[in-house]
Amino acid sequence: MSNDQLQTLLTQTPEDGYALAVKLAQKGVEVTQPSEEIRKLLRPVYSRDTDSLIAASQVIAIHFQTIAAANNYWRTWTPQYY
């Protein structure tokens, strides 16, 4: 995946899916606030704010939930699942 384009939500493992969820959250911040200078100024504030950290974790969790569903929760089809 290039830095600017999302090619797929499909990943080989849940760990790769989680890394993709983090990347999606980071990209969302970059799109919302395109100025790197402003992001650097704001980071010391939100990095010490419990509510901001919880909100960031929630965004990652929502992305991970979407990625997990796209990957059929990394299950391969076997009769035991159906």
PDB file of N, CA and C in Angstrom:
ATOM      1  N   MET A   1       0.848  -1.178   0.000  1.00  0.00           N
ATOM      2  CA  MET A   1       0.000   0.000   0.000  1.00  0.00           C
ATOM      3  C   MET A   1       0.889   1.234   0.000  1.00  0.00           C
ATOM      4  N   SER A   2       0.599   2.150  -0.880  1.00  0.00           N
ATOM      5  CA  SER A   2       1.350   3.399  -0.880  1.00  0.00           C
ATOM      6  C   SER A   2       0.895   4.241   0.304  1.00  0.00           C
ATOM      7  N   ASN A   3       1.640   5.282   0.587  1.00  0.00           N
ATOM      8  CA  ASN A   3       1.296   6.133   1.714  1.00  0.00           C
ATOM      9  C   ASN A   3      -0.010   6.884   1.508  1.00  0.00           C
ATOM     10  N   ASP A   4      -0.408   7.100   0.246  1.00  0.00           N
ATOM     11  CA  ASP A   4      -1.573   7.915  -0.034  1.00  0.00           C
ATOM     12  C   ASP A   4      -2.802   7.135  -0.479  1.00  0.00           C
ATOM     13  N   GLN A   5      -2.651   5.880  -0.805  1.00  0.00           N
ATOM     14  CA  GLN A   5      -3.767   5.125  -1.348  1.00  0.00           C
ATOM     15  C   GLN A   5      -4.022   3.852  -0.557  1.00  0.00           C
ATOM     16  N   LEU A   6      -5.285   3.590  -0.355  1.00  0.00           N
ATOM     17  CA  LEU A   6      -5.700   2.334   0.247  1.00  0.00           C
ATOM     18  C   LEU A   6      -6.052   1.389  -0.884  1.00  0.00           C
ATOM     19  N   GLN A   7      -5.342   0.288  -0.969  1.00  0.00           N
ATOM     20  CA  GLN A   7      -5.572  -0.672  -2.045  1.00  0.00           C
ATOM     21  C   GLN A   7      -6.622  -1.711  -1.673  1.00  0.00           C
ATOM     22  N   THR A   8      -6.636  -2.136  -0.418  1.00  0.00           N
ATOM     23  CA  THR A   8      -7.535  -3.201  -0.002  1.00  0.00           C
ATOM     24  C   THR A   8      -7.644  -3.222   1.517  1.00  0.00           C
ATOM     25  N   LEU A   9      -8.735  -3.777   1.991  1.00  0.00           N
ATOM     26  CA  LEU A   9      -8.875  -4.024   3.425  1.00  0.00           C
ATOM     27  C   LEU A   9      -8.461  -5.438   3.784  1.00  0.00           C
ATOM     28  N   LEU A  10      -8.137  -6.234   2.793  1.00  0.00           N
ATOM     29  CA  LEU A  10      -7.752  -7.614   3.041  1.00  0.00           C
ATOM     30  C   LEU A  10      -6.339  -7.683   3.581  1.00  0.00           C
ATOM     31  N   THR A  11      -6.160  -8.435   4.666  1.00  0.00           N
ATOM     32  CA  THR A  11      -4.842  -8.627   5.271  1.00  0.00           C
ATOM     33  C   THR A  11      -4.654 -10.108   5.575  1.00  0.00           C
ATOM     34  N   GLN A  12      -3.417 -10.502   5.746  1.00  0.00           N
ATOM     35  CA  GLN A  12      -3.113 -11.905   5.994  1.00  0.00           C
ATOM     36  C   GLN A  12      -3.439 -12.346   7.416  1.00  0.00           C
ATOM     37  N   THR A  13      -3.272 -11.449   8.376  1.00  0.00           N
ATOM     38  CA  THR A  13      -3.440 -11.813   9.783  1.00  0.00           C
ATOM     39  C   THR A  13      -4.191 -10.712  10.534  1.00  0.00           C
ATOM     40  N   PRO A  14      -4.747 -11.038  11.697  1.00  0.00           N
ATOM     41  CA  PRO A  14      -5.347  -9.994  12.523  1.00  0.00           C
ATOM     42  C   PRO A  14      -4.332  -8.906  12.917  1.00  0.00           C
ATOM     43  N   GLU A  15      -3.092  -9.295  13.137  1.00  0.00           N
ATOM     44  CA  GLU A  15      -2.061  -8.313  13.484  1.00  0.00           C
ATOM     45  C   GLU A  15      -1.867  -7.318  12.345  1.00  0.00           C
ATOM     46  N   ASP A  16      -1.842  -7.812  11.107  1.00  0.00           N
ATOM     47  CA  ASP A  16      -1.746  -6.919   9.951  1.00  0.00           C
ATOM     48  C   ASP A  16      -2.992  -6.048   9.840  1.00  0.00           C
ATOM     49  N   GLY A  17      -4.138  -6.622  10.169  1.00  0.00           N
ATOM     50  CA  GLY A  17      -5.381  -5.857  10.154  1.00  0.00           C
ATOM     51  C   GLY A  17      -5.368  -4.734  11.172  1.00  0.00           C
ATOM     52  N   TYR A  18      -4.820  -5.017  12.347  1.00  0.00           N
ATOM     53  CA  TYR A  18      -4.733  -3.979  13.370  1.00  0.00           C
ATOM     54  C   TYR A  18      -3.778  -2.865  12.938  1.00  0.00           C
ATOM     55  N   ALA A  19      -2.656  -3.238  12.340  1.00  0.00           N
ATOM     56  CA  ALA A  19      -1.714  -2.230  11.845  1.00  0.00           C
ATOM     57  C   ALA A  19      -2.380  -1.351  10.789  1.00  0.00           C
ATOM     58  N   LEU A  20      -3.199  -1.957   9.944  1.00  0.00           N
ATOM     59  CA  LEU A  20      -3.924  -1.190   8.935  1.00  0.00           C
ATOM     60  C   LEU A  20      -4.930  -0.258   9.603  1.00  0.00           C
ATOM     61  N   ALA A  21      -5.598  -0.720  10.648  1.00  0.00           N
ATOM     62  CA  ALA A  21      -6.550   0.126  11.367  1.00  0.00           C
ATOM     63  C   ALA A  21      -5.855   1.351  11.962  1.00  0.00           C
ATOM     64  N   VAL A  22      -4.674   1.149  12.521  1.00  0.00           N
ATOM     65  CA  VAL A  22      -3.901   2.273  13.071  1.00  0.00           C
ATOM     66  C   VAL A  22      -3.539   3.249  11.948  1.00  0.00           C
ATOM     67  N   LYS A  23      -3.100   2.699  10.821  1.00  0.00           N
ATOM     68  CA  LYS A  23      -2.715   3.550   9.689  1.00  0.00           C
ATOM     69  C   LYS A  23      -3.916   4.360   9.181  1.00  0.00           C
ATOM     70  N   LEU A  24      -5.078   3.727   9.117  1.00  0.00           N
ATOM     71  CA  LEU A  24      -6.280   4.440   8.686  1.00  0.00           C
ATOM     72  C   LEU A  24      -6.608   5.587   9.646  1.00  0.00           C
ATOM     73  N   ALA A  25      -6.463   5.345  10.934  1.00  0.00           N
ATOM     74  CA  ALA A  25      -6.716   6.395  11.914  1.00  0.00           C
ATOM     75  C   ALA A  25      -5.730   7.551  11.743  1.00  0.00           C
ATOM     76  N   GLN A  26      -4.460   7.211  11.521  1.00  0.00           N
ATOM     77  CA  GLN A  26      -3.447   8.248  11.309  1.00  0.00           C
ATOM     78  C   GLN A  26      -3.748   9.060  10.057  1.00  0.00           C
ATOM     79  N   LYS A  27      -4.133   8.375   8.992  1.00  0.00           N
ATOM     80  CA  LYS A  27      -4.453   9.068   7.738  1.00  0.00           C
ATOM     81  C   LYS A  27      -5.672   9.968   7.915  1.00  0.00           C
ATOM     82  N   GLY A  28      -6.630   9.517   8.734  1.00  0.00           N
ATOM     83  CA  GLY A  28      -7.800  10.348   8.998  1.00  0.00           C
ATOM     84  C   GLY A  28      -7.428  11.662   9.660  1.00  0.00           C
ATOM     85  N   VAL A  29      -6.478  11.604  10.573  1.00  0.00           N
ATOM     86  CA  VAL A  29      -6.007  12.824  11.227  1.00  0.00           C
ATOM     87  C   VAL A  29      -5.320  13.726  10.209  1.00  0.00           C
ATOM     88  N   GLU A  30      -4.508  13.155   9.335  1.00  0.00           N
ATOM     89  CA  GLU A  30      -3.804  13.948   8.320  1.00  0.00           C
ATOM     90  C   GLU A  30      -4.773  14.624   7.360  1.00  0.00           C
ATOM     91  N   VAL A  31      -5.851  13.943   7.020  1.00  0.00           N
ATOM     92  CA  VAL A  31      -6.847  14.535   6.124  1.00  0.00           C
ATOM     93  C   VAL A  31      -7.614  15.641   6.850  1.00  0.00           C
ATOM     94  N   THR A  32      -7.943  15.394   8.113  1.00  0.00           N
ATOM     95  CA  THR A  32      -8.694  16.371   8.896  1.00  0.00           C
ATOM     96  C   THR A  32      -7.863  17.619   9.171  1.00  0.00           C
ATOM     97  N   GLN A  33      -6.580  17.424   9.486  1.00  0.00           N
ATOM     98  CA  GLN A  33      -5.674  18.552   9.736  1.00  0.00           C
ATOM     99  C   GLN A  33      -4.446  18.371   8.862  1.00  0.00           C
ATOM    100  N   PRO A  34      -4.470  18.905   7.645  1.00  0.00           N
ATOM    101  CA  PRO A  34      -3.363  18.668   6.716  1.00  0.00           C
ATOM    102  C   PRO A  34      -2.031  19.343   7.095  1.00  0.00           C
ATOM    103  N   SER A  35      -2.067  20.310   7.983  1.00  0.00           N
ATOM    104  CA  SER A  35      -0.835  21.011   8.358  1.00  0.00           C
ATOM    105  C   SER A  35      -0.033  20.198   9.371  1.00  0.00           C
ATOM    106  N   GLU A  36       1.124  19.716   8.937  1.00  0.00           N
ATOM    107  CA  GLU A  36       1.988  18.974   9.854  1.00  0.00           C
ATOM    108  C   GLU A  36       2.435  19.855  11.018  1.00  0.00           C
ATOM    109  N   GLU A  37       2.655  21.116  10.742  1.00  0.00           N
ATOM    110  CA  GLU A  37       3.081  22.052  11.785  1.00  0.00           C
ATOM    111  C   GLU A  37       2.026  22.163  12.893  1.00  0.00           C
ATOM    112  N   ILE A  38       0.780  22.280  12.507  1.00  0.00           N
ATOM    113  CA  ILE A  38      -0.293  22.379  13.500  1.00  0.00           C
ATOM    114  C   ILE A  38      -0.443  21.065  14.256  1.00  0.00           C
ATOM    115  N   ARG A  39      -0.358  19.933  13.540  1.00  0.00           N
ATOM    116  CA  ARG A  39      -0.444  18.632  14.230  1.00  0.00           C
ATOM    117  C   ARG A  39       0.647  18.503  15.276  1.00  0.00           C
ATOM    118  N   LYS A  40       1.854  18.957  14.952  1.00  0.00           N
ATOM    119  CA  LYS A  40       2.952  18.887  15.928  1.00  0.00           C
ATOM    120  C   LYS A  40       2.691  19.788  17.130  1.00  0.00           C
ATOM    121  N   LEU A  41       2.061  20.929  16.903  1.00  0.00           N
ATOM    122  CA  LEU A  41       1.730  21.825  18.016  1.00  0.00           C
ATOM    123  C   LEU A  41       0.642  21.229  18.915  1.00  0.00           C
ATOM    124  N   LEU A  42      -0.295  20.520  18.319  1.00  0.00           N
ATOM    125  CA  LEU A  42      -1.408  19.968  19.077  1.00  0.00           C
ATOM    126  C   LEU A  42      -1.057  18.676  19.820  1.00  0.00           C
ATOM    127  N   ARG A  43      -0.095  17.938  19.312  1.00  0.00           N
ATOM    128  CA  ARG A  43       0.208  16.622  19.889  1.00  0.00           C
ATOM    129  C   ARG A  43       0.500  16.655  21.395  1.00  0.00           C
ATOM    130  N   PRO A  44       1.296  17.591  21.904  1.00  0.00           N
ATOM    131  CA  PRO A  44       1.541  17.594  23.355  1.00  0.00           C
ATOM    132  C   PRO A  44       0.256  17.767  24.176  1.00  0.00           C
ATOM    133  N   VAL A  45      -0.730  18.437  23.608  1.00  0.00           N
ATOM    134  CA  VAL A  45      -1.990  18.651  24.326  1.00  0.00           C
ATOM    135  C   VAL A  45      -2.795  17.361  24.373  1.00  0.00           C
ATOM    136  N   TYR A  46      -3.093  16.777  23.198  1.00  0.00           N
ATOM    137  CA  TYR A  46      -3.965  15.598  23.205  1.00  0.00           C
ATOM    138  C   TYR A  46      -3.263  14.347  23.692  1.00  0.00           C
ATOM    139  N   SER A  47      -1.938  14.294  23.622  1.00  0.00           N
ATOM    140  CA  SER A  47      -1.234  13.090  24.075  1.00  0.00           C
ATOM    141  C   SER A  47      -1.249  12.934  25.594  1.00  0.00           C
ATOM    142  N   ARG A  48      -1.683  13.971  26.287  1.00  0.00           N
ATOM    143  CA  ARG A  48      -1.785  13.919  27.748  1.00  0.00           C
ATOM    144  C   ARG A  48      -3.242  13.982  28.238  1.00  0.00           C
ATOM    145  N   ASP A  49      -4.166  13.946  27.295  1.00  0.00           N
ATOM    146  CA  ASP A  49      -5.583  14.057  27.638  1.00  0.00           C
ATOM    147  C   ASP A  49      -6.244  12.687  27.530  1.00  0.00           C
ATOM    148  N   THR A  50      -6.741  12.197  28.661  1.00  0.00           N
ATOM    149  CA  THR A  50      -7.339  10.862  28.709  1.00  0.00           C
ATOM    150  C   THR A  50      -8.482  10.707  27.713  1.00  0.00           C
ATOM    151  N   ASP A  51      -9.374  11.688  27.644  1.00  0.00           N
ATOM    152  CA  ASP A  51     -10.511  11.595  26.724  1.00  0.00           C
ATOM    153  C   ASP A  51     -10.058  11.534  25.271  1.00  0.00           C
ATOM    154  N   SER A  52      -9.045  12.290  24.931  1.00  0.00           N
ATOM    155  CA  SER A  52      -8.522  12.268  23.559  1.00  0.00           C
ATOM    156  C   SER A  52      -7.908  10.913  23.228  1.00  0.00           C
ATOM    157  N   LEU A  53      -7.194  10.331  24.167  1.00  0.00           N
ATOM    158  CA  LEU A  53      -6.573   9.025  23.935  1.00  0.00           C
ATOM    159  C   LEU A  53      -7.628   7.929  23.802  1.00  0.00           C
ATOM    160  N   ILE A  54      -8.670   8.000  24.623  1.00  0.00           N
ATOM    161  CA  ILE A  54      -9.756   7.026  24.514  1.00  0.00           C
ATOM    162  C   ILE A  54     -10.461   7.183  23.170  1.00  0.00           C
ATOM    163  N   ALA A  55     -10.698   8.412  22.750  1.00  0.00           N
ATOM    164  CA  ALA A  55     -11.352   8.649  21.456  1.00  0.00           C
ATOM    165  C   ALA A  55     -10.510   8.098  20.307  1.00  0.00           C
ATOM    166  N   ALA A  56      -9.201   8.289  20.382  1.00  0.00           N
ATOM    167  CA  ALA A  56      -8.313   7.750  19.339  1.00  0.00           C
ATOM    168  C   ALA A  56      -8.377   6.221  19.322  1.00  0.00           C
ATOM    169  N   SER A  57      -8.411   5.614  20.493  1.00  0.00           N
ATOM    170  CA  SER A  57      -8.522   4.153  20.572  1.00  0.00           C
ATOM    171  C   SER A  57      -9.842   3.671  19.981  1.00  0.00           C
ATOM    172  N   GLN A  58     -10.906   4.421  20.199  1.00  0.00           N
ATOM    173  CA  GLN A  58     -12.205   4.057  19.636  1.00  0.00           C
ATOM    174  C   GLN A  58     -12.192   4.107  18.113  1.00  0.00           C
ATOM    175  N   VAL A  59     -11.548   5.110  17.549  1.00  0.00           N
ATOM    176  CA  VAL A  59     -11.449   5.213  16.097  1.00  0.00           C
ATOM    177  C   VAL A  59     -10.697   4.007  15.537  1.00  0.00           C
ATOM    178  N   ILE A  60      -9.597   3.645  16.165  1.00  0.00           N
ATOM    179  CA  ILE A  60      -8.832   2.473  15.725  1.00  0.00           C
ATOM    180  C   ILE A  60      -9.688   1.219  15.835  1.00  0.00           C
ATOM    181  N   ALA A  61     -10.425   1.082  16.937  1.00  0.00           N
ATOM    182  CA  ALA A  61     -11.270  -0.103  17.129  1.00  0.00           C
ATOM    183  C   ALA A  61     -12.347  -0.205  16.055  1.00  0.00           C
ATOM    184  N   ILE A  62     -12.946   0.919  15.679  1.00  0.00           N
ATOM    185  CA  ILE A  62     -13.970   0.908  14.631  1.00  0.00           C
ATOM    186  C   ILE A  62     -13.353   0.497  13.299  1.00  0.00           C
ATOM    187  N   HIS A  63     -12.188   1.044  12.986  1.00  0.00           N
ATOM    188  CA  HIS A  63     -11.502   0.633  11.749  1.00  0.00           C
ATOM    189  C   HIS A  63     -11.172  -0.857  11.790  1.00  0.00           C
ATOM    190  N   PHE A  64     -10.687  -1.338  12.929  1.00  0.00           N
ATOM    191  CA  PHE A  64     -10.336  -2.757  13.040  1.00  0.00           C
ATOM    192  C   PHE A  64     -11.566  -3.641  12.873  1.00  0.00           C
ATOM    193  N   GLN A  65     -12.684  -3.215  13.422  1.00  0.00           N
ATOM    194  CA  GLN A  65     -13.933  -3.971  13.279  1.00  0.00           C
ATOM    195  C   GLN A  65     -14.308  -4.094  11.801  1.00  0.00           C
ATOM    196  N   THR A  66     -14.183  -3.022  11.060  1.00  0.00           N
ATOM    197  CA  THR A  66     -14.489  -3.037   9.627  1.00  0.00           C
ATOM    198  C   THR A  66     -13.542  -3.957   8.872  1.00  0.00           C
ATOM    199  N   ILE A  67     -12.258  -3.864   9.182  1.00  0.00           N
ATOM    200  CA  ILE A  67     -11.251  -4.697   8.514  1.00  0.00           C
ATOM    201  C   ILE A  67     -11.471  -6.169   8.850  1.00  0.00           C
ATOM    202  N   ALA A  68     -11.775  -6.462  10.091  1.00  0.00           N
ATOM    203  CA  ALA A  68     -12.019  -7.856  10.497  1.00  0.00           C
ATOM    204  C   ALA A  68     -13.208  -8.430   9.727  1.00  0.00           C
ATOM    205  N   ALA A  69     -14.270  -7.659   9.602  1.00  0.00           N
ATOM    206  CA  ALA A  69     -15.439  -8.131   8.851  1.00  0.00           C
ATOM    207  C   ALA A  69     -15.075  -8.360   7.385  1.00  0.00           C
ATOM    208  N   ALA A  70     -14.296  -7.457   6.800  1.00  0.00           N
ATOM    209  CA  ALA A  70     -13.884  -7.606   5.399  1.00  0.00           C
ATOM    210  C   ALA A  70     -13.046  -8.865   5.197  1.00  0.00           C
ATOM    211  N   ASN A  71     -12.367  -9.279   6.234  1.00  0.00           N
ATOM    212  CA  ASN A  71     -11.515 -10.470   6.163  1.00  0.00           C
ATOM    213  C   ASN A  71     -12.205 -11.712   6.707  1.00  0.00           C
ATOM    214  N   ASN A  72     -13.527 -11.641   6.840  1.00  0.00           N
ATOM    215  CA  ASN A  72     -14.298 -12.752   7.392  1.00  0.00           C
ATOM    216  C   ASN A  72     -13.680 -13.229   8.711  1.00  0.00           C
ATOM    217  N   TYR A  73     -13.199 -12.259   9.465  1.00  0.00           N
ATOM    218  CA  TYR A  73     -12.596 -12.517  10.772  1.00  0.00           C
ATOM    219  C   TYR A  73     -11.452 -13.536  10.688  1.00  0.00           C
ATOM    220  N   TRP A  74     -10.796 -13.570   9.549  1.00  0.00           N
ATOM    221  CA  TRP A  74      -9.617 -14.396   9.274  1.00  0.00           C
ATOM    222  C   TRP A  74      -9.896 -15.890   9.394  1.00  0.00           C
ATOM    223  N   ARG A  75     -11.135 -16.258   9.203  1.00  0.00           N
ATOM    224  CA  ARG A  75     -11.495 -17.680   9.213  1.00  0.00           C
ATOM    225  C   ARG A  75     -11.433 -18.219   7.791  1.00  0.00           C
ATOM    226  N   THR A  76     -10.977 -19.416   7.680  1.00  0.00           N
ATOM    227  CA  THR A  76     -11.139 -20.122   6.416  1.00  0.00           C
ATOM    228  C   THR A  76     -12.367 -20.992   6.566  1.00  0.00           C
ATOM    229  N   TRP A  77     -13.037 -21.205   5.492  1.00  0.00           N
ATOM    230  CA  TRP A  77     -14.281 -21.950   5.568  1.00  0.00           C
ATOM    231  C   TRP A  77     -14.009 -23.393   5.929  1.00  0.00           C
ATOM    232  N   THR A  78     -14.650 -23.821   6.967  1.00  0.00           N
ATOM    233  CA  THR A  78     -14.676 -25.235   7.331  1.00  0.00           C
ATOM    234  C   THR A  78     -16.073 -25.507   7.878  1.00  0.00           C
ATOM    235  N   PRO A  79     -16.530 -26.739   7.803  1.00  0.00           N
ATOM    236  CA  PRO A  79     -17.887 -27.048   8.281  1.00  0.00           C
ATOM    237  C   PRO A  79     -18.132 -26.673   9.748  1.00  0.00           C
ATOM    238  N   GLN A  80     -17.097 -26.647  10.576  1.00  0.00           N
ATOM    239  CA  GLN A  80     -17.314 -26.352  12.004  1.00  0.00           C
ATOM    240  C   GLN A  80     -17.850 -24.940  12.229  1.00  0.00           C
ATOM    241  N   TYR A  81     -17.617 -24.035  11.274  1.00  0.00           N
ATOM    242  CA  TYR A  81     -18.095 -22.661  11.443  1.00  0.00           C
ATOM    243  C   TYR A  81     -19.514 -22.467  10.948  1.00  0.00           C
ATOM    244  N   TYR A  82     -20.049 -23.438  10.233  1.00  0.00           N
ATOM    245  CA  TYR A  82     -21.359 -23.239   9.626  1.00  0.00           C
ATOM    246  C   TYR A  82     -22.335 -24.305   9.983  1.00  0.00           C
TER     247      TYR A  82
END
